[in-house]
């Protein structure tokens, strides 16, 4: 019955407002595996009574809505978990997809969305986690669970076997006294962790490192791409900073840790800069980077989905290092979505400076969606272009 319930539910889930495509779906085999394992713990009485369920990394709501559909929560029976399901999703698109899917399924309430921290995890006796790709992100999550959840918490951390590594076991073992890999099924596996180790010292994130080449303190939460390092695409784009125009309002679109925003603001004292990303961890990192370098009054960090909250024609310059993955899949849809957004937010005559992997051939898309596009630099891996918005957004 549970398998049929989940199969029916998952078939109705969408990814919107994230990219939708035939080869992209809103769930994977890890989701039912985690829910089945959680149900088994409840059925066998292996969880303390009156506890709470927290979910971390639920990409589009499959775990949260699946848990509610299985009706194993708030039953009043001995060992049942109480209260609404608490969920943390780093991406604003994931938060909105969960709400969209709940509305589609007629689910009114039953879950609450939280940042990663005490509000999410306090009193939690069961935590379900879709394992992140980054060990640093897993480190931050494991630290938070051990620090804030109930002393008898059980963490079920699941992922696709091809994306898992022994390093994940090592991270969990630093924060839990017991880590048990479970048997794989349908190319997914669960790591069960319990007996959290007492947290010592301050939270390890955001971490800070000074990039001596840039003379910049870079701050990073665990979930941010490249951590406190400088990814090679951004490094190449920064070579052209002296050639970029001065702007009253510039935007670092997909800001990550905010390196581009900080370097542009430093070199253009008269500019106001918005650093925006769909990731809460990125926005918090960019805000911390700005403050660490004395730029907090010039840089506004904003969590948003492709600048949806910024007015049309409100920026004279946008800097973009677009992603070429959607989750684990190589897909240009996320980059095209950001380029379309830039066309709306750029003022006439404004410029979009983009760095991208040369094999992606974004230039025709830039010319179509923005305007005349010139190549300003190329190395063996990357191309940098400048596109001018000459007409109203399309």
Protein backbone atom coordinates (compact mmCIF):
# COMPACT_ATOMS: atom_id res chain seq x y z
CA UNK A 1 0.00 0.00 0.00
CA UNK A 2 2.79 2.40 0.89
CA UNK A 3 4.57 1.75 -2.43
CA UNK A 4 1.36 2.46 -4.37
CA UNK A 5 0.70 5.61 -2.36
CA UNK A 6 4.18 6.98 -3.01
CA UNK A 7 4.19 6.00 -6.67
CA UNK A 8 0.92 7.84 -7.21
CA UNK A 9 2.12 10.90 -5.29
CA UNK A 10 5.53 11.11 -6.96
CA UNK A 11 4.01 10.87 -10.44
CA UNK A 12 2.16 14.15 -9.77
CA UNK A 13 5.10 16.16 -8.48
CA UNK A 14 6.61 18.98 -10.51
CA UNK A 15 9.83 20.98 -10.24
CA UNK A 16 8.41 24.45 -10.94
CA UNK A 17 9.68 27.15 -10.53
CA UNK A 18 12.88 25.21 -11.25
CA UNK A 19 13.68 23.98 -14.75
CA UNK A 20 11.22 21.41 -16.11
CA UNK A 21 12.38 18.99 -18.81
CA UNK A 22 11.58 15.43 -19.94
CA UNK A 23 14.87 14.13 -18.53
CA UNK A 24 14.45 15.88 -15.17
CA UNK A 25 12.08 14.67 -12.45
CA UNK A 26 11.09 15.88 -9.00
CA UNK A 27 12.21 12.78 -7.07
CA UNK A 28 14.64 9.90 -7.21
CA UNK A 29 14.85 6.38 -5.75
CA UNK A 30 16.39 7.70 -2.54
CA UNK A 31 13.13 9.39 -1.52
CA UNK A 32 10.99 6.23 -1.15
CA UNK A 33 13.96 4.39 0.38
CA UNK A 34 14.26 7.02 3.12
CA UNK A 35 10.51 7.04 3.76
CA UNK A 36 10.38 3.25 3.95
CA UNK A 37 13.31 3.18 6.40
CA UNK A 38 11.66 5.85 8.55
CA UNK A 39 8.39 3.92 8.55
CA UNK A 40 10.24 0.79 9.59
CA UNK A 41 11.78 2.53 12.60
CA UNK A 42 8.36 3.78 13.66
CA UNK A 43 6.64 0.42 13.15
CA UNK A 44 9.32 -1.39 15.14
CA UNK A 45 9.14 1.09 18.01
CA UNK A 46 12.76 2.14 17.56
CA UNK A 47 12.09 5.85 18.02
CA UNK A 48 11.25 7.52 21.33
CA UNK A 49 7.60 8.57 21.72
CA UNK A 50 6.51 12.14 21.22
CA UNK A 51 9.44 13.12 19.02
CA UNK A 52 9.60 15.36 15.97
CA UNK A 53 10.46 14.77 12.32
CA UNK A 54 12.86 17.11 10.50
CA UNK A 55 13.79 16.85 6.81
CA UNK A 56 16.88 18.38 5.22
CA UNK A 57 17.57 18.70 1.50
CA UNK A 58 14.08 17.84 0.23
CA UNK A 59 14.61 19.04 -3.32
CA UNK A 60 11.02 19.47 -4.51
CA UNK A 61 8.91 18.17 -1.63
CA UNK A 62 8.90 14.43 -2.29
CA UNK A 63 10.08 13.55 1.23
CA UNK A 64 7.83 16.00 3.06
CA UNK A 65 4.69 15.25 1.09
CA UNK A 66 5.49 11.54 1.05
CA UNK A 67 5.79 11.52 4.83
CA UNK A 68 2.43 13.25 5.19
CA UNK A 69 0.79 10.91 2.66
CA UNK A 70 1.92 7.81 4.55
CA UNK A 71 0.05 9.11 7.61
CA UNK A 72 2.62 7.89 10.12
CA UNK A 73 2.84 11.27 11.84
CA UNK A 74 0.45 12.81 14.39
CA UNK A 75 -1.51 9.57 14.81
CA UNK A 76 -1.51 9.72 18.61
CA UNK A 77 -0.26 6.14 18.73
CA UNK A 78 2.69 5.15 20.95
CA UNK A 79 5.94 6.01 19.23
CA UNK A 80 4.33 8.27 16.64
CA UNK A 81 6.03 11.54 15.80
CA UNK A 82 4.20 14.72 16.74
CA UNK A 83 3.73 18.19 15.32
CA UNK A 84 4.16 19.42 11.75
CA UNK A 85 7.02 18.12 9.65
CA UNK A 86 9.85 20.67 9.73
CA UNK A 87 11.85 21.00 6.54
CA UNK A 88 14.93 22.87 5.35
CA UNK A 89 15.71 23.46 1.68
CA UNK A 90 18.67 25.62 0.76
CA UNK A 91 17.28 26.71 -2.62
CA UNK A 92 14.37 29.12 -2.84
CA UNK A 93 13.18 27.17 -5.87
CA UNK A 94 12.93 24.05 -3.69
CA UNK A 95 10.94 25.91 -1.04
CA UNK A 96 8.51 27.18 -3.66
CA UNK A 97 8.29 23.81 -5.42
CA UNK A 98 7.27 22.17 -2.13
CA UNK A 99 4.51 24.73 -1.65
CA UNK A 100 3.43 24.41 -5.30
CA UNK A 101 3.26 20.62 -5.05
CA UNK A 102 1.38 20.77 -1.76
CA UNK A 103 -1.22 23.01 -3.37
CA UNK A 104 -1.46 20.71 -6.39
CA UNK A 105 -2.05 17.72 -4.09
CA UNK A 106 -4.53 19.56 -1.89
CA UNK A 107 -2.23 19.41 1.14
CA UNK A 108 -3.11 22.30 3.43
CA UNK A 109 -0.48 22.57 6.16
CA UNK A 110 1.26 19.77 7.99
CA UNK A 111 4.75 21.15 7.33
CA UNK A 112 6.82 24.19 8.25
CA UNK A 113 9.91 25.53 6.45
CA UNK A 114 12.99 26.61 8.44
CA UNK A 115 16.59 27.69 7.98
CA UNK A 116 19.21 25.15 9.01
CA UNK A 117 19.54 25.58 12.78
CA UNK A 118 17.86 25.19 16.12
CA UNK A 119 14.37 26.09 14.91
CA UNK A 120 14.46 23.22 12.45
CA UNK A 121 16.10 20.61 14.66
CA UNK A 122 15.21 21.30 18.30
CA UNK A 123 13.51 18.21 19.73
CA UNK A 124 13.88 16.24 16.50
CA UNK A 125 14.17 12.50 17.11
CA UNK A 126 14.22 11.57 13.42
CA UNK A 127 16.01 13.48 10.65
CA UNK A 128 15.75 12.50 6.98
CA UNK A 129 18.51 13.85 4.75
CA UNK A 130 19.05 13.77 1.02
CA UNK A 131 22.85 13.66 1.03
CA UNK A 132 24.46 16.75 -0.54
CA UNK A 133 27.27 16.48 -3.07
CA UNK A 134 29.60 18.61 -0.96
CA UNK A 135 31.37 17.19 2.09
CA UNK A 136 31.50 20.72 3.53
CA UNK A 137 27.71 20.97 3.31
CA UNK A 138 27.35 17.56 4.95
CA UNK A 139 29.75 18.72 7.69
CA UNK A 140 27.55 21.73 8.43
CA UNK A 141 24.37 19.65 8.45
CA UNK A 142 25.84 16.90 10.64
CA UNK A 143 27.17 19.50 13.08
CA UNK A 144 23.73 21.14 13.27
CA UNK A 145 21.92 17.82 13.87
CA UNK A 146 24.38 16.79 16.59
CA UNK A 147 24.26 20.27 18.12
CA UNK A 148 20.51 20.94 18.15
CA UNK A 149 18.49 17.71 17.77
CA UNK A 150 17.37 15.45 20.61
CA UNK A 151 20.12 13.34 22.25
CA UNK A 152 18.42 10.17 20.99
CA UNK A 153 18.01 11.43 17.42
CA UNK A 154 18.33 9.03 14.49
CA UNK A 155 19.65 10.48 11.24
CA UNK A 156 18.82 8.67 8.00
CA UNK A 157 21.05 10.09 5.28
CA UNK A 158 20.39 8.75 1.81
CA UNK A 159 21.79 9.26 -1.66
CA UNK A 160 22.49 7.74 -5.04
CA UNK A 161 25.35 5.28 -4.72
CA UNK A 162 27.27 6.83 -7.62
CA UNK A 163 27.41 10.15 -5.77
CA UNK A 164 28.35 8.70 -2.37
CA UNK A 165 31.86 8.33 -0.98
CA UNK A 166 33.61 6.98 2.09
CA UNK A 167 34.30 10.61 2.97
CA UNK A 168 30.61 10.94 3.84
CA UNK A 169 30.92 8.14 6.39
CA UNK A 170 33.95 9.90 7.88
CA UNK A 171 32.09 13.20 8.19
CA UNK A 172 29.18 11.54 9.98
CA UNK A 173 31.54 9.62 12.28
CA UNK A 174 32.99 12.92 13.48
CA UNK A 175 29.56 13.90 14.79
CA UNK A 176 27.91 10.58 15.69
CA UNK A 177 29.08 7.64 17.77
CA UNK A 178 27.42 5.10 15.49
CA UNK A 179 27.22 5.14 11.68
CA UNK A 180 25.75 2.12 9.90
CA UNK A 181 25.65 1.84 6.08
CA UNK A 182 22.47 0.08 5.00
CA UNK A 183 22.02 -2.26 2.08
CA UNK A 184 21.71 -0.52 -1.29
CA UNK A 185 18.51 -0.74 -3.30
CA UNK A 186 17.77 0.60 -6.79
CA UNK A 187 21.22 2.24 -6.78
CA UNK A 188 20.47 4.24 -3.61
CA UNK A 189 21.81 3.69 -0.11
CA UNK A 190 21.14 4.99 3.40
CA UNK A 191 23.63 5.78 6.14
CA UNK A 192 22.04 5.47 9.59
CA UNK A 193 23.67 7.62 12.27
CA UNK A 194 22.83 7.86 15.96
CA UNK A 195 24.35 8.77 19.34
CA UNK A 196 25.35 12.37 18.47
CA UNK A 197 28.64 13.53 19.92
CA UNK A 198 28.42 16.65 22.12
CA UNK A 199 29.17 19.75 20.07
CA UNK A 200 32.29 21.56 21.18
CA UNK A 201 33.14 25.13 20.36
CA UNK A 202 31.40 27.50 18.00
CA UNK A 203 29.66 26.46 14.81
CA UNK A 204 32.28 25.87 12.08
CA UNK A 205 30.38 27.81 9.40
CA UNK A 206 30.61 30.25 7.84
CA UNK A 207 34.33 29.70 7.46
CA UNK A 208 36.61 32.57 6.41
CA UNK A 209 39.82 32.55 4.40
CA UNK A 210 41.82 35.45 2.99
CA UNK A 211 42.55 35.17 -0.71
CA UNK A 212 45.97 36.79 -0.87
CA UNK A 213 45.87 37.26 -4.66
CA UNK A 214 42.70 39.31 -4.38
CA UNK A 215 43.36 40.77 -0.94
CA UNK A 216 39.83 39.67 -0.03
CA UNK A 217 38.41 37.81 2.96
CA UNK A 218 36.03 35.18 1.58
CA UNK A 219 33.31 33.72 3.81
CA UNK A 220 31.47 30.50 2.99
CA UNK A 221 28.71 28.33 4.34
CA UNK A 222 29.06 24.62 3.69
CA UNK A 223 26.61 24.49 0.79
CA UNK A 224 28.34 27.13 -1.34
CA UNK A 225 30.10 26.07 -4.53
CA UNK A 226 33.91 26.26 -4.24
CA UNK A 227 33.76 27.14 -0.53
CA UNK A 228 36.21 29.88 0.37
CA UNK A 229 38.16 29.18 -2.81
CA UNK A 230 38.00 31.02 -6.13
CA UNK A 231 36.51 28.93 -8.92
CA UNK A 232 38.39 29.15 -12.20
CA UNK A 233 35.52 30.70 -14.17
CA UNK A 234 35.18 33.58 -11.72
CA UNK A 235 38.96 33.99 -11.68
CA UNK A 236 38.97 34.41 -15.47
CA UNK A 237 36.07 36.89 -15.44
CA UNK A 238 37.87 38.98 -12.82
CA UNK A 239 40.74 39.50 -15.28
CA UNK A 240 38.40 41.78 -17.21
CA UNK A 241 37.23 43.82 -14.23
CA UNK A 242 39.15 46.97 -15.36
CA UNK A 243 37.24 46.90 -18.68
CA UNK A 244 33.77 46.66 -17.13
CA UNK A 245 31.67 49.84 -17.19
CA UNK A 246 30.84 51.86 -14.08
CA UNK A 247 27.22 51.36 -13.06
CA UNK A 248 24.93 53.04 -10.58
CA UNK A 249 23.44 49.61 -9.88
CA UNK A 250 25.32 46.38 -10.67
CA UNK A 251 24.14 42.82 -10.00
CA UNK A 252 26.22 39.74 -9.23
CA UNK A 253 23.75 37.13 -10.49
CA UNK A 254 24.33 33.69 -8.96
CA UNK A 255 26.68 35.34 -6.50
CA UNK A 256 27.97 32.34 -4.53
CA UNK A 257 30.25 33.74 -1.84
CA UNK A 258 30.03 37.23 -3.34
CA UNK A 259 33.57 37.52 -4.70
CA UNK A 260 32.48 39.24 -7.92
CA UNK A 261 30.21 41.62 -6.01
CA UNK A 262 32.95 42.54 -3.55
CA UNK A 263 35.64 43.04 -6.17
CA UNK A 264 33.38 45.14 -8.38
CA UNK A 265 32.20 47.26 -5.43
CA UNK A 266 35.79 47.79 -4.31
CA UNK A 267 36.88 48.98 -7.76
CA UNK A 268 33.77 51.14 -8.34
CA UNK A 269 33.15 53.13 -5.13
CA UNK A 270 30.16 54.95 -6.61
CA UNK A 271 28.24 51.80 -7.47
CA UNK A 272 25.50 50.05 -5.53
CA UNK A 273 25.75 46.26 -5.90
CA UNK A 274 23.16 43.52 -5.43
CA UNK A 275 24.52 40.02 -4.82
CA UNK A 276 21.73 37.55 -5.49
CA UNK A 277 21.43 33.77 -5.54
CA UNK A 278 18.72 31.14 -5.17
CA UNK A 279 20.76 29.52 -2.36
CA UNK A 280 20.26 30.72 1.21
CA UNK A 281 23.78 29.55 2.05
CA UNK A 282 25.22 31.58 -0.84
CA UNK A 283 23.35 34.73 0.17
CA UNK A 284 24.47 34.41 3.79
CA UNK A 285 28.03 33.86 2.57
CA UNK A 286 27.96 36.86 0.25
CA UNK A 287 26.58 39.05 3.03
CA UNK A 288 29.36 37.87 5.37
CA UNK A 289 32.00 38.44 2.67
CA UNK A 290 30.76 41.99 2.12
CA UNK A 291 30.83 42.75 5.84
CA UNK A 292 34.27 41.15 6.33
CA UNK A 293 35.70 43.51 3.70
CA UNK A 294 34.01 46.70 4.88
CA UNK A 295 31.54 46.68 1.99
CA UNK A 296 28.35 45.86 3.89
CA UNK A 297 26.86 49.30 3.25
CA UNK A 298 27.39 49.03 -0.51
CA UNK A 299 26.36 45.43 -1.20
CA UNK A 300 22.84 44.09 -0.69
CA UNK A 301 22.60 40.28 -0.49
CA UNK A 302 19.27 38.95 -1.75
CA UNK A 303 17.89 35.41 -1.98
CA UNK A 304 15.76 35.30 -5.10
CA UNK A 305 14.83 33.15 -8.05
CA UNK A 306 16.48 34.66 -11.14
CA UNK A 307 16.07 38.27 -9.89
CA UNK A 308 12.28 37.92 -9.84
CA UNK A 309 11.93 40.65 -7.20
CA UNK A 310 14.12 43.19 -9.01
CA UNK A 311 12.29 45.76 -11.18
CA UNK A 312 12.60 45.78 -14.94
CA UNK A 313 15.40 47.90 -16.40
CA UNK A 314 16.83 48.54 -12.92
CA UNK A 315 20.50 47.61 -13.44
CA UNK A 316 23.18 48.97 -15.76
CA UNK A 317 25.50 45.97 -15.33
CA UNK A 318 24.99 42.28 -14.55
CA UNK A 319 27.85 39.84 -13.93
CA UNK A 320 27.07 36.17 -14.52
CA UNK A 321 28.93 32.88 -14.16
CA UNK A 322 26.00 30.58 -15.07
CA UNK A 323 25.66 26.99 -13.85
CA UNK A 324 25.83 24.17 -16.34
CA UNK A 325 24.24 21.55 -14.05
CA UNK A 326 20.67 21.17 -12.82
CA UNK A 327 21.12 18.93 -9.81
CA UNK A 328 23.32 16.09 -11.03
CA UNK A 329 22.34 16.48 -14.69
CA UNK A 330 24.26 18.52 -17.26
CA UNK A 331 21.63 20.91 -18.57
CA UNK A 332 21.72 24.43 -20.01
CA UNK A 333 18.22 25.31 -18.79
CA UNK A 334 19.36 27.01 -15.58
CA UNK A 335 21.82 29.23 -17.47
CA UNK A 336 19.23 30.19 -20.08
CA UNK A 337 16.76 31.09 -17.33
CA UNK A 338 19.30 33.50 -15.83
CA UNK A 339 20.09 35.04 -19.21
CA UNK A 340 16.37 35.62 -19.81
CA UNK A 341 16.14 37.27 -16.39
CA UNK A 342 19.09 39.51 -17.23
CA UNK A 343 17.25 40.68 -20.34
CA UNK A 344 14.38 41.84 -18.16
CA UNK A 345 16.43 43.54 -15.43
CA UNK A 346 19.01 45.28 -17.62
CA UNK A 347 18.30 48.89 -18.55
CA UNK A 348 18.60 49.83 -22.23
CA UNK A 349 22.30 50.21 -22.93
CA UNK A 350 23.16 48.09 -19.91
CA UNK A 351 25.65 45.26 -20.22
CA UNK A 352 25.71 41.60 -19.25
CA UNK A 353 29.22 40.19 -18.75
CA UNK A 354 29.18 36.41 -18.81
CA UNK A 355 31.82 33.72 -18.34
CA UNK A 356 30.93 30.21 -19.47
CA UNK A 357 32.45 26.90 -20.50
CA UNK A 358 33.20 27.42 -24.18
CA UNK A 359 31.59 24.14 -25.25
CA UNK A 360 28.17 25.40 -24.10
CA UNK A 361 27.95 27.91 -26.98
CA UNK A 362 25.86 30.48 -25.12
CA UNK A 363 26.68 33.30 -27.54
CA UNK A 364 23.67 32.81 -29.88
CA UNK A 365 21.38 32.71 -26.83
CA UNK A 366 22.96 35.89 -25.47
CA UNK A 367 22.49 37.67 -28.77
CA UNK A 368 18.87 36.58 -29.02
CA UNK A 369 17.84 37.33 -25.43
CA UNK A 370 20.04 40.33 -24.62
CA UNK A 371 21.42 41.96 -27.75
CA UNK A 372 24.71 42.46 -29.60
CA UNK A 373 27.34 40.23 -27.99
CA UNK A 374 31.10 40.42 -28.37
CA UNK A 375 33.78 38.06 -27.15
CA UNK A 376 36.16 39.87 -24.81
CA UNK A 377 38.32 36.95 -23.78
CA UNK A 378 38.92 33.23 -24.19
CA UNK A 379 41.25 30.67 -22.67
CA UNK A 380 41.42 26.89 -23.22
CA UNK A 381 38.32 26.33 -21.08
CA UNK A 382 36.24 29.51 -20.79
CA UNK A 383 34.81 32.33 -22.87
CA UNK A 384 33.95 35.80 -21.57
CA UNK A 385 31.38 37.86 -23.47
CA UNK A 386 29.80 41.29 -23.07
CA UNK A 387 26.21 41.72 -24.28
CA UNK A 388 24.45 45.08 -24.65
CA UNK A 389 20.75 45.50 -24.00
CA UNK A 390 19.59 47.81 -26.78
CA UNK A 391 15.85 47.32 -26.61
CA UNK A 392 13.09 46.47 -24.18
CA UNK A 393 13.18 43.04 -22.54
CA UNK A 394 11.82 40.22 -24.69
